[in-house]
Amino acid sequence: MPKSCGAPHCSNAAGQARPPARRLSFYKFPLRDTARLRRWLAQMRRDNWLPTRHHHLCSDHFEPSCFQYRWGVRYLRPDAVPTIF
């Protein structure tokens, strides 16, 4: 099953053609960090929905400051919370 974004009204999925400057990446929900997961769900306005280990959120929902780069690879910062919906 291909990755797709779990945000409401977002149709982004892995494999979609995009310009290199708008590269799309997917991040798993922080299921083991309850406090951070609550912040993610509150930002998404999905308080009564629980993601599973198969759900992802795409990079379009994070500010540029939420990412760090190492060896040319983009990583989500450990304290990042999605804010763009």
Protein backbone atom coordinates (compact mmCIF):
# COMPACT_ATOMS: atom_id res chain seq x y z
CA MET A 1 0.00 0.00 0.00
CA PRO A 2 1.54 3.36 -1.01
CA LYS A 3 2.03 6.08 1.58
CA SER A 4 -0.55 8.85 1.65
CA CYS A 5 -1.07 11.80 3.92
CA GLY A 6 -3.43 11.40 6.89
CA ALA A 7 -4.28 15.11 7.13
CA PRO A 8 -7.87 16.10 6.42
CA HIS A 9 -8.41 17.24 2.82
CA CYS A 10 -4.84 16.39 1.77
CA SER A 11 -4.49 14.15 -1.26
CA ASN A 12 -0.68 13.88 -1.32
CA ALA A 13 0.63 10.38 -1.89
CA ALA A 14 4.02 8.83 -2.52
CA GLY A 15 4.98 8.66 -6.17
CA GLN A 16 3.29 11.87 -7.27
CA ALA A 17 5.34 13.93 -9.71
CA ARG A 18 6.63 17.17 -8.14
CA PRO A 19 9.44 19.59 -8.90
CA PRO A 20 12.67 18.84 -7.00
CA ALA A 21 12.33 22.06 -4.98
CA ARG A 22 8.96 20.83 -3.65
CA ARG A 23 10.07 17.31 -2.80
CA LEU A 24 7.49 15.46 -0.74
CA SER A 25 8.35 13.25 2.21
CA PHE A 26 6.22 11.40 4.75
CA TYR A 27 6.58 11.12 8.50
CA LYS A 28 5.04 8.69 10.93
CA PHE A 29 2.95 9.95 13.81
CA PRO A 30 4.82 10.02 17.16
CA LEU A 31 2.79 7.16 18.63
CA ARG A 32 5.20 6.52 21.51
CA ASP A 33 5.36 10.19 22.57
CA THR A 34 1.85 10.82 23.92
CA ALA A 35 2.31 14.53 24.64
CA ARG A 36 3.69 15.23 21.16
CA LEU A 37 0.99 13.08 19.53
CA ARG A 38 -1.69 15.14 21.32
CA ARG A 39 -0.12 18.34 19.93
CA TRP A 40 -0.08 16.89 16.41
CA LEU A 41 -3.74 15.85 16.62
CA ALA A 42 -4.77 19.19 18.13
CA GLN A 43 -3.09 21.05 15.27
CA MET A 44 -4.87 18.76 12.81
CA ARG A 45 -8.16 19.35 14.66
CA ARG A 46 -8.64 15.59 14.92
CA ASP A 47 -8.95 15.08 18.67
CA ASN A 48 -11.18 11.99 18.40
CA TRP A 49 -9.06 10.18 15.80
CA LEU A 50 -6.15 7.92 16.63
CA PRO A 51 -3.55 7.16 13.97
CA THR A 52 -1.99 3.74 13.63
CA ARG A 53 1.58 2.86 12.73
CA HIS A 54 0.46 2.85 9.08
CA HIS A 55 -0.58 6.52 9.01
CA HIS A 56 1.74 9.30 7.84
CA LEU A 57 1.75 13.05 7.54
CA CYS A 58 3.38 14.70 4.53
CA SER A 59 6.04 17.40 4.62
CA ASP A 60 3.62 20.03 3.27
CA HIS A 61 2.18 20.37 6.79
CA PHE A 62 5.45 21.39 8.45
CA GLU A 63 7.23 24.76 8.47
CA PRO A 64 10.77 24.78 7.00
CA SER A 65 12.12 25.27 10.53
CA CYS A 66 10.79 21.82 11.47
CA PHE A 67 13.45 20.12 9.36
CA GLN A 68 17.13 19.51 9.80
CA TYR A 69 19.52 18.34 7.09
CA ARG A 70 22.33 15.85 7.49
CA TRP A 71 24.42 14.62 4.58
CA GLY A 72 21.83 15.97 2.15
CA VAL A 73 18.93 14.11 3.77
CA ARG A 74 15.96 15.95 5.27
CA TYR A 75 14.90 14.81 8.74
CA LEU A 76 12.03 15.96 10.89
CA ARG A 77 13.23 17.59 14.13
CA PRO A 78 12.33 15.57 17.26
CA ASP A 79 10.22 18.46 18.60
CA ALA A 80 8.48 19.32 15.30
CA VAL A 81 4.73 19.86 15.28
CA PRO A 82 2.71 20.29 12.06
CA THR A 83 1.17 23.74 11.68
CA ILE A 84 0.07 24.06 8.04
CA PHE A 85 -3.41 22.74 7.29
